[in-house]
PDB file of N, CA and C in Angstrom:
ATOM      1  N   MET A   1     110.939 135.525 129.291  1.00  0.00           N
ATOM      2  CA  MET A   1     109.160 135.644 128.642  1.00  0.00           C
ATOM      3  C   MET A   1     108.868 134.371 129.231  1.00  0.00           C
ATOM      4  N   PHE A   2     109.255 133.278 128.930  1.00  0.00           N
ATOM      5  CA  PHE A   2     107.797 131.346 128.870  1.00  0.00           C
ATOM      6  C   PHE A   2     108.950 131.287 130.411  1.00  0.00           C
ATOM      7  N   GLY A   3     110.634 131.194 129.377  1.00  0.00           N
ATOM      8  CA  GLY A   3     112.121 130.978 130.572  1.00  0.00           C
ATOM      9  C   GLY A   3     111.574 128.820 130.198  1.00  0.00           C
ATOM     10  N   ASN A   4     111.433 128.393 130.695  1.00  0.00           N
ATOM     11  CA  ASN A   4     111.383 126.654 131.035  1.00  0.00           C
ATOM     12  C   ASN A   4     109.862 125.960 131.130  1.00  0.00           C
ATOM     13  N   ASP A   5     109.556 126.733 131.057  1.00  0.00           N
ATOM     14  CA  ASP A   5     107.415 126.389 131.598  1.00  0.00           C
ATOM     15  C   ASP A   5     107.142 125.179 130.525  1.00  0.00           C
ATOM     16  N   ALA A   6     107.292 124.076 131.187  1.00  0.00           N
ATOM     17  CA  ALA A   6     107.304 122.157 130.758  1.00  0.00           C
ATOM     18  C   ALA A   6     106.063 122.559 130.306  1.00  0.00           C
ATOM     19  N   GLU A   7     104.883 123.583 130.599  1.00  0.00           N
ATOM     20  CA  GLU A   7     103.307 123.030 129.911  1.00  0.00           C
ATOM     21  C   GLU A   7     103.505 123.911 128.793  1.00  0.00           C
ATOM     22  N   PHE A   8     104.269 125.047 128.706  1.00  0.00           N
ATOM     23  CA  PHE A   8     103.901 125.724 127.101  1.00  0.00           C
ATOM     24  C   PHE A   8     104.847 124.988 126.616  1.00  0.00           C
ATOM     25  N   LEU A   9     106.426 124.333 126.569  1.00  0.00           N
ATOM     26  CA  LEU A   9     106.934 123.367 126.065  1.00  0.00           C
ATOM     27  C   LEU A   9     106.022 122.260 124.808  1.00  0.00           C
ATOM     28  N   LEU A  10     104.980 121.556 125.801  1.00  0.00           N
ATOM     29  CA  LEU A  10     103.896 120.039 125.807  1.00  0.00           C
ATOM     30  C   LEU A  10     103.408 120.487 124.123  1.00  0.00           C
ATOM     31  N   SER A  11     102.786 122.278 125.464  1.00  0.00           N
ATOM     32  CA  SER A  11     101.560 122.760 124.285  1.00  0.00           C
ATOM     33  C   SER A  11     102.119 122.815 122.636  1.00  0.00           C
ATOM     34  N   ILE A  12     103.486 123.536 122.591  1.00  0.00           N
ATOM     35  CA  ILE A  12     103.643 123.799 121.366  1.00  0.00           C
ATOM     36  C   ILE A  12     104.146 121.974 120.922  1.00  0.00           C
ATOM     37  N   HIS A  13     104.813 121.038 121.424  1.00  0.00           N
ATOM     38  CA  HIS A  13     105.399 119.719 121.022  1.00  0.00           C
ATOM     39  C   HIS A  13     104.059 119.364 120.780  1.00  0.00           C
ATOM     40  N   ARG A  14     102.815 119.168 121.246  1.00  0.00           N
ATOM     41  CA  ARG A  14     101.022 118.755 121.750  1.00  0.00           C
ATOM     42  C   ARG A  14     100.703 119.470 120.007  1.00  0.00           C
ATOM     43  N   SER A  15     100.546 121.213 119.493  1.00  0.00           N
ATOM     44  CA  SER A  15     100.294 121.304 118.679  1.00  0.00           C
ATOM     45  C   SER A  15     101.483 120.592 116.884  1.00  0.00           C
ATOM     46  N   HIS A  16     102.315 120.813 117.861  1.00  0.00           N
ATOM     47  CA  HIS A  16     103.380 120.824 116.043  1.00  0.00           C
ATOM     48  C   HIS A  16     102.659 118.784 115.880  1.00  0.00           C
ATOM     49  N   ALA A  17     102.478 118.074 116.604  1.00  0.00           N
ATOM     50  CA  ALA A  17     103.191 116.924 116.650  1.00  0.00           C
ATOM     51  C   ALA A  17     102.021 116.378 115.559  1.00  0.00           C
ATOM     52  N   ALA A  18     100.049 117.408 115.804  1.00  0.00           N
ATOM     53  CA  ALA A  18      98.567 117.863 115.517  1.00  0.00           C
ATOM     54  C   ALA A  18      98.579 118.087 114.239  1.00  0.00           C
ATOM     55  N   GLU A  19     100.236 118.896 113.901  1.00  0.00           N
ATOM     56  CA  GLU A  19     100.515 119.363 112.252  1.00  0.00           C
ATOM     57  C   GLU A  19     100.061 118.280 111.980  1.00  0.00           C
ATOM     58  N   LEU A  20     101.629 117.090 111.785  1.00  0.00           N
ATOM     59  CA  LEU A  20     102.251 116.607 111.357  1.00  0.00           C
ATOM     60  C   LEU A  20     101.457 115.073 111.177  1.00  0.00           C
ATOM     61  N   GLN A  21     100.118 115.604 111.933  1.00  0.00           N
ATOM     62  CA  GLN A  21      99.547 114.289 111.735  1.00  0.00           C
ATOM     63  C   GLN A  21      98.557 114.353 111.139  1.00  0.00           C
ATOM     64  N   ALA A  22      98.084 115.423 111.152  1.00  0.00           N
ATOM     65  CA  ALA A  22      97.029 115.924 109.723  1.00  0.00           C
ATOM     66  C   ALA A  22      97.644 116.211 108.498  1.00  0.00           C
ATOM     67  N   ASP A  23      99.203 116.280 108.080  1.00  0.00           N
ATOM     68  CA  ASP A  23      99.307 116.334 107.246  1.00  0.00           C
ATOM     69  C   ASP A  23      99.566 115.119 106.423  1.00  0.00           C
ATOM     70  N   ALA A  24      99.927 113.442 107.585  1.00  0.00           N
ATOM     71  CA  ALA A  24     100.090 112.310 107.052  1.00  0.00           C
ATOM     72  C   ALA A  24      98.985 112.279 106.818  1.00  0.00           C
ATOM     73  N   GLU A  25      97.238 112.880 107.158  1.00  0.00           N
ATOM     74  CA  GLU A  25      95.877 111.535 106.819  1.00  0.00           C
ATOM     75  C   GLU A  25      96.123 112.291 105.387  1.00  0.00           C
ATOM     76  N   ALA A  26      96.382 113.523 105.243  1.00  0.00           N
ATOM     77  CA  ALA A  26      95.652 113.710 104.219  1.00  0.00           C
ATOM     78  C   ALA A  26      96.745 114.071 102.277  1.00  0.00           C
ATOM     79  N   ASP A  27      98.071 113.464 103.034  1.00  0.00           N
ATOM     80  CA  ASP A  27      98.470 112.687 101.804  1.00  0.00           C
ATOM     81  C   ASP A  27      97.970 111.489 102.067  1.00  0.00           C
ATOM     82  N   ARG A  28      97.708 110.709 103.082  1.00  0.00           N
ATOM     83  CA  ARG A  28      97.657 108.579 102.663  1.00  0.00           C
ATOM     84  C   ARG A  28      96.247 109.450 101.852  1.00  0.00           C
ATOM     85  N   LEU A  29      95.492 110.227 102.694  1.00  0.00           N
ATOM     86  CA  LEU A  29      93.968 110.404 101.510  1.00  0.00           C
ATOM     87  C   LEU A  29      93.945 110.373  99.938  1.00  0.00           C
ATOM     88  N   ALA A  30      95.444 111.758  99.889  1.00  0.00           N
ATOM     89  CA  ALA A  30      95.150 112.230  97.879  1.00  0.00           C
ATOM     90  C   ALA A  30      95.585 110.793  97.693  1.00  0.00           C
ATOM     91  N   ARG A  31      96.887 110.323  98.065  1.00  0.00           N
ATOM     92  CA  ARG A  31      97.620 108.560  97.583  1.00  0.00           C
ATOM     93  C   ARG A  31      96.386 107.865  97.180  1.00  0.00           C
ATOM     94  N   SER A  32      95.397 107.723  98.436  1.00  0.00           N
ATOM     95  CA  SER A  32      94.225 106.576  98.009  1.00  0.00           C
ATOM     96  C   SER A  32      92.979 107.119  96.739  1.00  0.00           C
ATOM     97  N   LEU A  33      92.661 108.320  96.435  1.00  0.00           N
ATOM     98  CA  LEU A  33      91.799 108.687  95.565  1.00  0.00           C
ATOM     99  C   LEU A  33      92.912 107.953  93.985  1.00  0.00           C
ATOM    100  N   PRO A  34      91.724 108.281  93.267  1.00  0.00           N
ATOM    101  CA  PRO A  34      92.144 107.605  91.893  1.00  0.00           C
ATOM    102  C   PRO A  34      91.789 109.005  91.385  1.00  0.00           C
ATOM    103  N   ARG A  35      93.209 109.035  90.312  1.00  0.00           N
ATOM    104  CA  ARG A  35      93.863 109.716  90.454  1.00  0.00           C
ATOM    105  C   ARG A  35      92.474 110.081  88.677  1.00  0.00           C
ATOM    106  N   ARG A  36      92.631 112.013  88.260  1.00  0.00           N
ATOM    107  CA  ARG A  36      91.756 112.103  87.274  1.00  0.00           C
ATOM    108  C   ARG A  36      93.041 112.519  85.886  1.00  0.00           C
ATOM    109  N   HIS A  37      91.751 111.854  85.443  1.00  0.00           N
ATOM    110  CA  HIS A  37      92.825 111.862  83.615  1.00  0.00           C
ATOM    111  C   HIS A  37      92.816 113.206  82.983  1.00  0.00           C
ATOM    112  N   ALA A  38      93.478 112.970  82.671  1.00  0.00           N
ATOM    113  CA  ALA A  38      93.745 114.645  81.653  1.00  0.00           C
ATOM    114  C   ALA A  38      92.822 114.795  80.792  1.00  0.00           C
ATOM    115  N   ARG A  39      92.215 115.483  80.879  1.00  0.00           N
ATOM    116  CA  ARG A  39      91.018 115.724  79.701  1.00  0.00           C
ATOM    117  C   ARG A  39      91.110 116.824  79.432  1.00  0.00           C
ATOM    118  N   GLY A  40      90.885 117.838  77.505  1.00  0.00           N
ATOM    119  CA  GLY A  40      90.910 118.520  77.063  1.00  0.00           C
ATOM    120  C   GLY A  40      90.037 119.559  76.649  1.00  0.00           C
ATOM    121  N   TRP A  41      90.287 119.534  75.907  1.00  0.00           N
ATOM    122  CA  TRP A  41      88.163 120.589  75.374  1.00  0.00           C
ATOM    123  C   TRP A  41      87.339 119.687  75.390  1.00  0.00           C
ATOM    124  N   LEU A  42      86.126 120.299  75.709  1.00  0.00           N
ATOM    125  CA  LEU A  42      85.447 118.980  75.376  1.00  0.00           C
ATOM    126  C   LEU A  42      85.072 117.839  75.788  1.00  0.00           C
ATOM    127  N   GLY A  43      85.849 117.276  77.074  1.00  0.00           N
ATOM    128  CA  GLY A  43      85.945 116.103  77.432  1.00  0.00           C
ATOM    129  C   GLY A  43      86.636 115.188  76.897  1.00  0.00           C
ATOM    130  N   ARG A  44      87.692 115.667  75.204  1.00  0.00           N
ATOM    131  CA  ARG A  44      88.446 114.885  75.130  1.00  0.00           C
ATOM    132  C   ARG A  44      89.482 114.224  75.791  1.00  0.00           C
ATOM    133  N   ARG A  45      90.119 113.444  75.355  1.00  0.00           N
ATOM    134  CA  ARG A  45      91.734 113.438  76.626  1.00  0.00           C
ATOM    135  C   ARG A  45      92.371 113.668  75.848  1.00  0.00           C
ATOM    136  N   ARG A  46      93.688 114.491  76.723  1.00  0.00           N
ATOM    137  CA  ARG A  46      94.552 114.615  76.517  1.00  0.00           C
ATOM    138  C   ARG A  46      96.238 113.452  76.130  1.00  0.00           C
ATOM    139  N   GLN A  47      97.070 113.854  74.981  1.00  0.00           N
ATOM    140  CA  GLN A  47      97.845 113.323  74.514  1.00  0.00           C
ATOM    141  C   GLN A  47      98.906 114.427  74.568  1.00  0.00           C
ATOM    142  N   PRO A  48     100.027 114.211  75.541  1.00  0.00           N
ATOM    143  CA  PRO A  48     101.063 114.666  76.161  1.00  0.00           C
ATOM    144  C   PRO A  48     101.556 114.409  75.081  1.00  0.00           C
ATOM    145  N   GLY A  49     102.265 113.217  74.817  1.00  0.00           N
ATOM    146  CA  GLY A  49     103.259 113.179  74.529  1.00  0.00           C
ATOM    147  C   GLY A  49     103.603 113.461  72.899  1.00  0.00           C
ATOM    148  N   ARG A  50     102.040 113.496  72.605  1.00  0.00           N
ATOM    149  CA  ARG A  50     102.304 113.075  70.757  1.00  0.00           C
ATOM    150  C   ARG A  50     101.903 114.700  70.568  1.00  0.00           C
ATOM    151  N   SER A  51     102.386 115.583  69.203  1.00  0.00           N
ATOM    152  CA  SER A  51     102.715 116.643  68.564  1.00  0.00           C
ATOM    153  C   SER A  51     101.135 116.164  66.953  1.00  0.00           C
ATOM    154  N   ASP A  52     101.432 117.515  66.365  1.00  0.00           N
ATOM    155  CA  ASP A  52     100.865 117.397  65.168  1.00  0.00           C
ATOM    156  C   ASP A  52     101.531 116.758  64.182  1.00  0.00           C
ATOM    157  N   ALA A  53     103.342 116.597  64.433  1.00  0.00           N
ATOM    158  CA  ALA A  53     104.692 115.669  64.121  1.00  0.00           C
ATOM    159  C   ALA A  53     103.977 114.239  63.738  1.00  0.00           C
ATOM    160  N   ALA A  54     103.432 114.174  64.587  1.00  0.00           N
ATOM    161  CA  ALA A  54     103.373 112.599  64.833  1.00  0.00           C
ATOM    162  C   ALA A  54     101.914 111.879  64.385  1.00  0.00           C
ATOM    163  N   ARG A  55     101.280 112.463  64.485  1.00  0.00           N
ATOM    164  CA  ARG A  55     100.267 112.795  63.415  1.00  0.00           C
ATOM    165  C   ARG A  55     100.147 112.700  61.889  1.00  0.00           C
ATOM    166  N   ARG A  56     101.052 112.687  61.834  1.00  0.00           N
ATOM    167  CA  ARG A  56     101.553 112.741  59.732  1.00  0.00           C
ATOM    168  C   ARG A  56     101.848 111.419  59.704  1.00  0.00           C
TER     169      ARG A  56
END
């Protein structure tokens, strides 16, 4: 079909490299943004490790 077409192989390499760079940029952006705090019903903060027994 394509054999060893250098232009075809180079275009695959470039598109894959562009995808990897886009993924790396998205990861960097996600790490740079502040994390949103987990909030429960009506905007109250949730405390994940707390149960009803711990309050008593």
